[in-house]
Amino acid sequence: MTPKDITQEITRLVQQYGDDVYKLAYVILKSKDLADDVYQETFLRVCRSYSSYRGESSEKTWITSIAVNICRDFMRSAWKKRVIVTDDFNTYSNERNDTEDIIEKRNERKDVIDAVMKLPDKYREVVHLYYYLEMDVKDIAKVMKIPSGTVKSRLFKARNLLHDMLGGEAHG
């Protein structure tokens, strides 16, 4: 591949997976600033290691693995001790709509998001990868470097915790 081809390929990867990397980093680190840092570092590492990518896993799994590892590095580093996290997880637009149904659904979604953000890290990570990035158990196991059975048990435990946090309500 020519340098121009590689540049185009990296641009495609950023466009295709950038939002997922940012959201994953935010969910894990609970900080917009740190999520920005992880986003940048992830794609810097993708650029550096693109020529050694062997295609043994999907691009999504490869990039997600890089992002998860960077998040873990941040969590182990002094950043965690120095940064006070006060960011709000606000995924909704500021548009107003008078329809009660839409407001109710937004409130339910916010309750679910808030509950997910309160989960311990090991459960929050698998929930985000499974439900938001729509990764299968096998790929999550690769990304997190844990057995598939552990992924399944964490998903099960996370669902139970969320059920309890949400008062046993059914949320869709």
C-alpha atoms as a PDB file:
ATOM      1  CA  MET A   1       0.000   0.000   0.000  1.00  0.00           C
ATOM      2  CA  THR A   2       1.132   3.515  -0.713  1.00  0.00           C
ATOM      3  CA  PRO A   3       1.261   6.116   2.072  1.00  0.00           C
ATOM      4  CA  LYS A   4      -1.785   7.752   0.477  1.00  0.00           C
ATOM      5  CA  ASP A   5      -3.697   4.438   0.617  1.00  0.00           C
ATOM      6  CA  ILE A   6      -2.783   3.999   4.268  1.00  0.00           C
ATOM      7  CA  THR A   7      -3.907   7.547   5.058  1.00  0.00           C
ATOM      8  CA  GLN A   8      -7.247   6.904   3.365  1.00  0.00           C
ATOM      9  CA  GLU A   9      -7.631   3.631   5.251  1.00  0.00           C
ATOM     10  CA  ILE A  10      -6.889   5.268   8.613  1.00  0.00           C
ATOM     11  CA  THR A  11      -9.373   8.034   7.799  1.00  0.00           C
ATOM     12  CA  ARG A  12     -12.000   5.393   7.047  1.00  0.00           C
ATOM     13  CA  LEU A  13     -11.306   3.630  10.353  1.00  0.00           C
ATOM     14  CA  VAL A  14     -11.613   6.893  12.299  1.00  0.00           C
ATOM     15  CA  GLN A  15     -14.899   7.701  10.570  1.00  0.00           C
ATOM     16  CA  GLN A  16     -16.262   4.191  11.030  1.00  0.00           C
ATOM     17  CA  TYR A  17     -15.167   3.503  14.615  1.00  0.00           C
ATOM     18  CA  GLY A  18     -14.390   6.903  16.141  1.00  0.00           C
ATOM     19  CA  ASP A  19     -17.760   7.412  17.826  1.00  0.00           C
ATOM     20  CA  ASP A  20     -17.669   3.906  19.288  1.00  0.00           C
ATOM     21  CA  VAL A  21     -14.170   4.458  20.691  1.00  0.00           C
ATOM     22  CA  TYR A  22     -15.179   7.768  22.279  1.00  0.00           C
ATOM     23  CA  LYS A  23     -18.371   6.349  23.808  1.00  0.00           C
ATOM     24  CA  LEU A  24     -16.560   3.291  25.124  1.00  0.00           C
ATOM     25  CA  ALA A  25     -13.859   5.456  26.710  1.00  0.00           C
ATOM     26  CA  TYR A  26     -16.477   7.719  28.269  1.00  0.00           C
ATOM     27  CA  VAL A  27     -18.405   4.797  29.717  1.00  0.00           C
ATOM     28  CA  ILE A  28     -15.261   3.285  31.211  1.00  0.00           C
ATOM     29  CA  LEU A  29     -13.576   6.474  32.454  1.00  0.00           C
ATOM     30  CA  LYS A  30     -16.622   8.701  33.080  1.00  0.00           C
ATOM     31  CA  SER A  31     -14.799  11.771  31.809  1.00  0.00           C
ATOM     32  CA  LYS A  32     -15.179  13.635  28.539  1.00  0.00           C
ATOM     33  CA  ASP A  33     -11.594  14.898  28.685  1.00  0.00           C
ATOM     34  CA  LEU A  34     -10.179  11.427  29.261  1.00  0.00           C
ATOM     35  CA  ALA A  35     -12.436  10.015  26.541  1.00  0.00           C
ATOM     36  CA  ASP A  36     -10.946  12.589  24.149  1.00  0.00           C
ATOM     37  CA  ASP A  37      -7.448  11.518  25.181  1.00  0.00           C
ATOM     38  CA  VAL A  38      -8.268   7.827  24.702  1.00  0.00           C
ATOM     39  CA  TYR A  39      -9.817   8.573  21.298  1.00  0.00           C
ATOM     40  CA  GLN A  40      -6.663  10.341  20.146  1.00  0.00           C
ATOM     41  CA  GLU A  41      -4.283   7.769  21.597  1.00  0.00           C
ATOM     42  CA  THR A  42      -6.289   4.880  20.120  1.00  0.00           C
ATOM     43  CA  PHE A  43      -6.050   6.209  16.597  1.00  0.00           C
ATOM     44  CA  LEU A  44      -2.393   7.176  17.041  1.00  0.00           C
ATOM     45  CA  ARG A  45      -1.716   3.546  17.924  1.00  0.00           C
ATOM     46  CA  VAL A  46      -3.852   2.382  15.001  1.00  0.00           C
ATOM     47  CA  CYS A  47      -1.685   4.547  12.708  1.00  0.00           C
ATOM     48  CA  ARG A  48       1.533   3.212  14.213  1.00  0.00           C
ATOM     49  CA  SER A  49       0.505  -0.428  14.102  1.00  0.00           C
ATOM     50  CA  TYR A  50      -1.635  -0.486  10.954  1.00  0.00           C
ATOM     51  CA  SER A  51       1.048  -2.207   8.904  1.00  0.00           C
ATOM     52  CA  SER A  52       1.272  -5.017  11.476  1.00  0.00           C
ATOM     53  CA  TYR A  53      -2.510  -5.608  11.639  1.00  0.00           C
ATOM     54  CA  ARG A  54      -2.906  -9.190  10.456  1.00  0.00           C
ATOM     55  CA  GLY A  55      -6.682  -9.416  10.272  1.00  0.00           C
ATOM     56  CA  GLU A  56      -6.889 -12.210  12.859  1.00  0.00           C
ATOM     57  CA  SER A  57      -9.875 -10.408  14.338  1.00  0.00           C
ATOM     58  CA  SER A  58     -12.252  -7.855  12.868  1.00  0.00           C
ATOM     59  CA  GLU A  59     -11.180  -4.223  12.626  1.00  0.00           C
ATOM     60  CA  LYS A  60     -13.808  -3.395  15.239  1.00  0.00           C
ATOM     61  CA  THR A  61     -12.406  -5.964  17.676  1.00  0.00           C
ATOM     62  CA  TRP A  62      -8.826  -4.822  17.016  1.00  0.00           C
ATOM     63  CA  ILE A  63      -9.598  -1.127  17.542  1.00  0.00           C
ATOM     64  CA  THR A  64     -11.830  -1.799  20.552  1.00  0.00           C
ATOM     65  CA  SER A  65      -9.037  -3.871  22.129  1.00  0.00           C
ATOM     66  CA  ILE A  66      -6.639  -0.980  21.701  1.00  0.00           C
ATOM     67  CA  ALA A  67      -9.134   1.450  23.264  1.00  0.00           C
ATOM     68  CA  VAL A  68      -9.918  -0.844  26.212  1.00  0.00           C
ATOM     69  CA  ASN A  69      -6.212  -1.312  26.930  1.00  0.00           C
ATOM     70  CA  ILE A  70      -5.618   2.437  26.839  1.00  0.00           C
ATOM     71  CA  CYS A  71      -8.565   2.961  29.198  1.00  0.00           C
ATOM     72  CA  ARG A  72      -7.091   0.410  31.580  1.00  0.00           C
ATOM     73  CA  ASP A  73      -3.735   2.185  31.390  1.00  0.00           C
ATOM     74  CA  PHE A  74      -5.451   5.466  32.266  1.00  0.00           C
ATOM     75  CA  MET A  75      -7.259   3.831  35.179  1.00  0.00           C
ATOM     76  CA  ARG A  76      -3.972   2.492  36.569  1.00  0.00           C
ATOM     77  CA  SER A  77      -2.127   5.743  36.018  1.00  0.00           C
ATOM     78  CA  ALA A  78      -1.929   8.869  38.083  1.00  0.00           C
ATOM     79  CA  TRP A  79      -4.697  10.371  35.934  1.00  0.00           C
ATOM     80  CA  LYS A  80      -7.271   8.465  37.942  1.00  0.00           C
ATOM     81  CA  LYS A  81      -5.926   9.919  41.153  1.00  0.00           C
ATOM     82  CA  ARG A  82      -5.690  13.479  39.803  1.00  0.00           C
ATOM     83  CA  VAL A  83      -8.904  13.811  37.819  1.00  0.00           C
ATOM     84  CA  ILE A  84     -12.165  14.526  39.562  1.00  0.00           C
ATOM     85  CA  VAL A  85     -14.919  13.292  37.307  1.00  0.00           C
ATOM     86  CA  THR A  86     -17.901  15.595  37.128  1.00  0.00           C
ATOM     87  CA  ASP A  87     -19.041  15.197  33.524  1.00  0.00           C
ATOM     88  CA  ASP A  88     -22.668  14.406  32.894  1.00  0.00           C
ATOM     89  CA  PHE A  89     -23.519  11.626  30.468  1.00  0.00           C
ATOM     90  CA  ASN A  90     -25.988  13.511  28.311  1.00  0.00           C
ATOM     91  CA  THR A  91     -26.855  11.796  25.065  1.00  0.00           C
ATOM     92  CA  TYR A  92     -30.032  13.639  24.369  1.00  0.00           C
ATOM     93  CA  SER A  93     -30.498  16.764  22.306  1.00  0.00           C
ATOM     94  CA  ASN A  94     -31.824  19.923  23.897  1.00  0.00           C
ATOM     95  CA  GLU A  95     -34.797  19.998  21.589  1.00  0.00           C
ATOM     96  CA  ARG A  96     -38.134  20.286  23.318  1.00  0.00           C
ATOM     97  CA  ASN A  97     -41.010  18.092  22.388  1.00  0.00           C
ATOM     98  CA  ASP A  98     -44.343  18.300  24.172  1.00  0.00           C
ATOM     99  CA  THR A  99     -45.261  14.696  23.585  1.00  0.00           C
ATOM    100  CA  GLU A 100     -45.421  12.970  26.971  1.00  0.00           C
ATOM    101  CA  ASP A 101     -44.478   9.626  25.457  1.00  0.00           C
ATOM    102  CA  ILE A 102     -41.175  10.956  24.123  1.00  0.00           C
ATOM    103  CA  ILE A 103     -40.371  12.629  27.437  1.00  0.00           C
ATOM    104  CA  GLU A 104     -41.174   9.432  29.321  1.00  0.00           C
ATOM    105  CA  LYS A 105     -38.985   7.344  27.013  1.00  0.00           C
ATOM    106  CA  ARG A 106     -36.124   9.807  27.380  1.00  0.00           C
ATOM    107  CA  ASN A 107     -36.451   9.674  31.149  1.00  0.00           C
ATOM    108  CA  GLU A 108     -36.435   5.880  31.032  1.00  0.00           C
ATOM    109  CA  ARG A 109     -33.339   5.885  28.810  1.00  0.00           C
ATOM    110  CA  LYS A 110     -31.639   8.353  31.134  1.00  0.00           C
ATOM    111  CA  ASP A 111     -32.472   6.123  34.103  1.00  0.00           C
ATOM    112  CA  VAL A 112     -30.964   3.138  32.291  1.00  0.00           C
ATOM    113  CA  ILE A 113     -27.843   5.094  31.284  1.00  0.00           C
ATOM    114  CA  ASP A 114     -27.444   6.405  34.834  1.00  0.00           C
ATOM    115  CA  ALA A 115     -27.798   2.865  36.193  1.00  0.00           C
ATOM    116  CA  VAL A 116     -25.240   1.505  33.707  1.00  0.00           C
ATOM    117  CA  MET A 117     -22.803   4.257  34.697  1.00  0.00           C
ATOM    118  CA  LYS A 118     -23.142   3.184  38.358  1.00  0.00           C
ATOM    119  CA  LEU A 119     -22.189  -0.422  37.619  1.00  0.00           C
ATOM    120  CA  PRO A 120     -18.741  -1.592  38.720  1.00  0.00           C
ATOM    121  CA  ASP A 121     -16.192  -1.250  35.896  1.00  0.00           C
ATOM    122  CA  LYS A 122     -16.047  -4.929  34.970  1.00  0.00           C
ATOM    123  CA  TYR A 123     -19.826  -5.056  34.434  1.00  0.00           C
ATOM    124  CA  ARG A 124     -20.134  -1.634  32.788  1.00  0.00           C
ATOM    125  CA  GLU A 125     -17.498  -2.568  30.197  1.00  0.00           C
ATOM    126  CA  VAL A 126     -19.233  -5.770  29.077  1.00  0.00           C
ATOM    127  CA  VAL A 127     -22.653  -4.088  29.002  1.00  0.00           C
ATOM    128  CA  HIS A 128     -21.321  -1.311  26.782  1.00  0.00           C
ATOM    129  CA  LEU A 129     -19.515  -3.674  24.436  1.00  0.00           C
ATOM    130  CA  TYR A 130     -22.484  -6.044  24.183  1.00  0.00           C
ATOM    131  CA  TYR A 131     -25.452  -3.671  24.005  1.00  0.00           C
ATOM    132  CA  TYR A 132     -24.054  -0.428  22.622  1.00  0.00           C
ATOM    133  CA  LEU A 133     -21.279  -1.654  20.335  1.00  0.00           C
ATOM    134  CA  GLU A 134     -23.252  -4.840  19.556  1.00  0.00           C
ATOM    135  CA  MET A 135     -20.214  -7.072  19.914  1.00  0.00           C
ATOM    136  CA  ASP A 136     -20.741 -10.778  20.438  1.00  0.00           C
ATOM    137  CA  VAL A 137     -19.524 -12.634  23.522  1.00  0.00           C
ATOM    138  CA  LYS A 138     -16.557 -14.164  21.678  1.00  0.00           C
ATOM    139  CA  ASP A 139     -15.264 -10.763  20.506  1.00  0.00           C
ATOM    140  CA  ILE A 140     -15.793  -9.225  23.954  1.00  0.00           C
ATOM    141  CA  ALA A 141     -13.740 -12.065  25.425  1.00  0.00           C
ATOM    142  CA  LYS A 142     -10.928 -11.291  22.950  1.00  0.00           C
ATOM    143  CA  VAL A 143     -11.056  -7.562  23.658  1.00  0.00           C
ATOM    144  CA  MET A 144     -11.070  -7.975  27.427  1.00  0.00           C
ATOM    145  CA  LYS A 145      -8.738 -10.994  27.417  1.00  0.00           C
ATOM    146  CA  ILE A 146     -11.093 -13.066  29.564  1.00  0.00           C
ATOM    147  CA  PRO A 147     -12.918 -16.362  28.907  1.00  0.00           C
ATOM    148  CA  SER A 148     -16.304 -16.266  27.131  1.00  0.00           C
ATOM    149  CA  GLY A 149     -17.903 -17.799  30.222  1.00  0.00           C
ATOM    150  CA  THR A 150     -16.710 -14.849  32.283  1.00  0.00           C
ATOM    151  CA  VAL A 151     -18.258 -12.441  29.777  1.00  0.00           C
ATOM    152  CA  LYS A 152     -21.564 -14.318  30.027  1.00  0.00           C
ATOM    153  CA  SER A 153     -21.515 -14.340  33.818  1.00  0.00           C
ATOM    154  CA  ARG A 154     -20.693 -10.621  33.942  1.00  0.00           C
ATOM    155  CA  LEU A 155     -23.560  -9.868  31.565  1.00  0.00           C
ATOM    156  CA  PHE A 156     -25.886 -11.965  33.729  1.00  0.00           C
ATOM    157  CA  LYS A 157     -24.736 -10.222  36.922  1.00  0.00           C
ATOM    158  CA  ALA A 158     -24.952  -6.798  35.253  1.00  0.00           C
ATOM    159  CA  ARG A 159     -28.528  -7.478  34.119  1.00  0.00           C
ATOM    160  CA  ASN A 160     -29.471  -8.479  37.667  1.00  0.00           C
ATOM    161  CA  LEU A 161     -27.821  -5.386  39.131  1.00  0.00           C
ATOM    162  CA  LEU A 162     -29.560  -3.150  36.588  1.00  0.00           C
ATOM    163  CA  HIS A 163     -32.883  -4.842  37.306  1.00  0.00           C
ATOM    164  CA  ASP A 164     -32.421  -4.133  41.021  1.00  0.00           C
ATOM    165  CA  MET A 165     -31.244  -0.537  40.439  1.00  0.00           C
ATOM    166  CA  LEU A 166     -34.194   0.199  38.202  1.00  0.00           C
ATOM    167  CA  GLY A 167     -36.640  -1.187  40.725  1.00  0.00           C
ATOM    168  CA  GLY A 168     -37.498  -4.240  38.663  1.00  0.00           C
ATOM    169  CA  GLU A 169     -39.061  -2.064  35.991  1.00  0.00           C
ATOM    170  CA  ALA A 170     -39.017  -3.194  32.380  1.00  0.00           C
ATOM    171  CA  HIS A 171     -37.144  -0.680  30.259  1.00  0.00           C
ATOM    172  CA  GLY A 172     -36.923  -0.885  26.468  1.00  0.00           C
END
